[in-house]
Amino acid sequence: MQRSRSSLPPLSTLRSFEAAVRLGSFKAAAEDLSLTQSAISHQISSLEAHFCVKLFVRDGNKVVLTKDGAMYGTSILKAFAELSRAGEALLSKERREIV
Protein backbone atom coordinates (compact mmCIF):
# COMPACT_ATOMS: atom_id res chain seq x y z
CA MET A 1 0.00 0.00 0.00
CA GLN A 2 1.37 3.43 -0.94
CA ARG A 3 1.21 6.09 1.74
CA SER A 4 -0.04 9.47 0.54
CA ARG A 5 2.00 12.47 1.53
CA SER A 6 0.13 15.33 3.18
CA SER A 7 0.75 18.85 1.93
CA LEU A 8 0.75 19.95 5.58
CA PRO A 9 3.94 18.88 7.38
CA PRO A 10 4.25 18.60 11.18
CA LEU A 11 3.76 21.93 12.95
CA SER A 12 7.11 21.62 14.73
CA THR A 13 8.93 21.68 11.39
CA LEU A 14 6.97 24.74 10.31
CA ARG A 15 7.77 26.56 13.58
CA SER A 16 11.47 25.89 13.09
CA PHE A 17 11.36 26.94 9.44
CA GLU A 18 9.42 30.13 10.23
CA ALA A 19 11.91 31.13 12.92
CA ALA A 20 14.90 30.38 10.67
CA VAL A 21 13.41 32.45 7.85
CA ARG A 22 12.36 35.32 10.13
CA LEU A 23 15.67 35.47 12.00
CA GLY A 24 18.00 34.49 9.17
CA SER A 25 19.90 31.73 10.94
CA PHE A 26 19.48 28.33 12.54
CA LYS A 27 21.33 29.54 15.65
CA ALA A 28 18.96 32.48 16.17
CA ALA A 29 15.95 30.24 15.49
CA ALA A 30 17.22 27.77 18.08
CA GLU A 31 17.59 30.52 20.68
CA ASP A 32 14.15 31.93 19.86
CA LEU A 33 12.46 28.54 20.23
CA SER A 34 14.60 27.34 23.16
CA LEU A 35 15.94 24.43 21.11
CA THR A 36 19.40 23.38 20.05
CA GLN A 37 20.81 24.41 16.70
CA SER A 38 21.01 20.72 15.84
CA ALA A 39 17.27 20.32 16.55
CA ILE A 40 16.48 23.19 14.17
CA SER A 41 18.70 21.64 11.50
CA HIS A 42 16.95 18.28 11.92
CA GLN A 43 13.51 19.92 11.72
CA ILE A 44 14.49 21.76 8.53
CA SER A 45 15.91 18.56 7.04
CA SER A 46 12.65 16.79 7.88
CA LEU A 47 10.67 19.55 6.18
CA GLU A 48 12.91 19.34 3.11
CA ALA A 49 12.42 15.56 3.02
CA HIS A 50 8.66 15.99 3.36
CA PHE A 51 8.51 18.12 0.22
CA CYS A 52 11.53 16.56 -1.53
CA VAL A 53 13.01 20.02 -2.05
CA LYS A 54 15.94 21.99 -0.62
CA LEU A 55 14.78 25.05 1.32
CA PHE A 56 18.22 26.26 2.44
CA VAL A 57 21.73 26.08 1.04
CA ARG A 58 24.08 25.30 3.90
CA ASP A 59 27.61 26.70 3.73
CA GLY A 60 29.43 26.06 7.00
CA ASN A 61 27.64 28.12 9.65
CA LYS A 62 25.80 30.19 7.04
CA VAL A 63 22.40 29.29 5.58
CA VAL A 64 20.74 30.93 2.59
CA LEU A 65 17.20 30.34 1.37
CA THR A 66 16.83 28.68 -2.00
CA LYS A 67 14.30 30.06 -4.49
CA ASP A 68 11.79 27.45 -3.29
CA GLY A 69 12.66 28.23 0.32
CA ALA A 70 12.07 31.95 -0.20
CA MET A 71 8.73 31.32 -1.89
CA TYR A 72 7.56 28.95 0.85
CA GLY A 73 9.03 31.20 3.54
CA THR A 74 6.97 34.16 2.37
CA SER A 75 3.79 32.11 2.69
CA ILE A 76 4.76 30.66 6.07
CA LEU A 77 5.65 34.09 7.50
CA LYS A 78 2.24 35.41 6.43
CA ALA A 79 0.46 32.37 7.88
CA PHE A 80 2.23 32.65 11.24
CA ALA A 81 1.55 36.40 11.37
CA GLU A 82 -2.15 35.71 10.77
CA LEU A 83 -2.19 33.04 13.50
CA SER A 84 -0.54 35.51 15.86
CA ARG A 85 -3.13 38.20 15.05
CA ALA A 86 -5.95 35.72 15.63
CA GLY A 87 -4.51 34.77 19.02
CA GLU A 88 -4.08 38.41 19.99
CA ALA A 89 -7.70 39.10 19.03
CA LEU A 90 -8.91 36.25 21.23
CA LEU A 91 -6.77 37.40 24.14
CA SER A 92 -8.03 40.95 23.72
CA LYS A 93 -11.64 39.74 23.66
CA GLU A 94 -11.05 37.62 26.76
CA ARG A 95 -9.63 40.62 28.63
CA ARG A 96 -12.63 42.78 27.69
CA GLU A 97 -15.08 40.11 28.87
CA ILE A 98 -13.30 39.65 32.21
CA VAL A 99 -13.45 43.35 33.10
Foldseek 3Di string as FASTA:
>chain_A
DDDDQDPDDDPVLLQLLLLCVVVVFLCRSCVVVVHHSVVSVVSQVVVCVSVVHHQWDDDPRHIDGDPVNVVVNVVSNVVVVVVVVVVVVVVVVVVVVVD
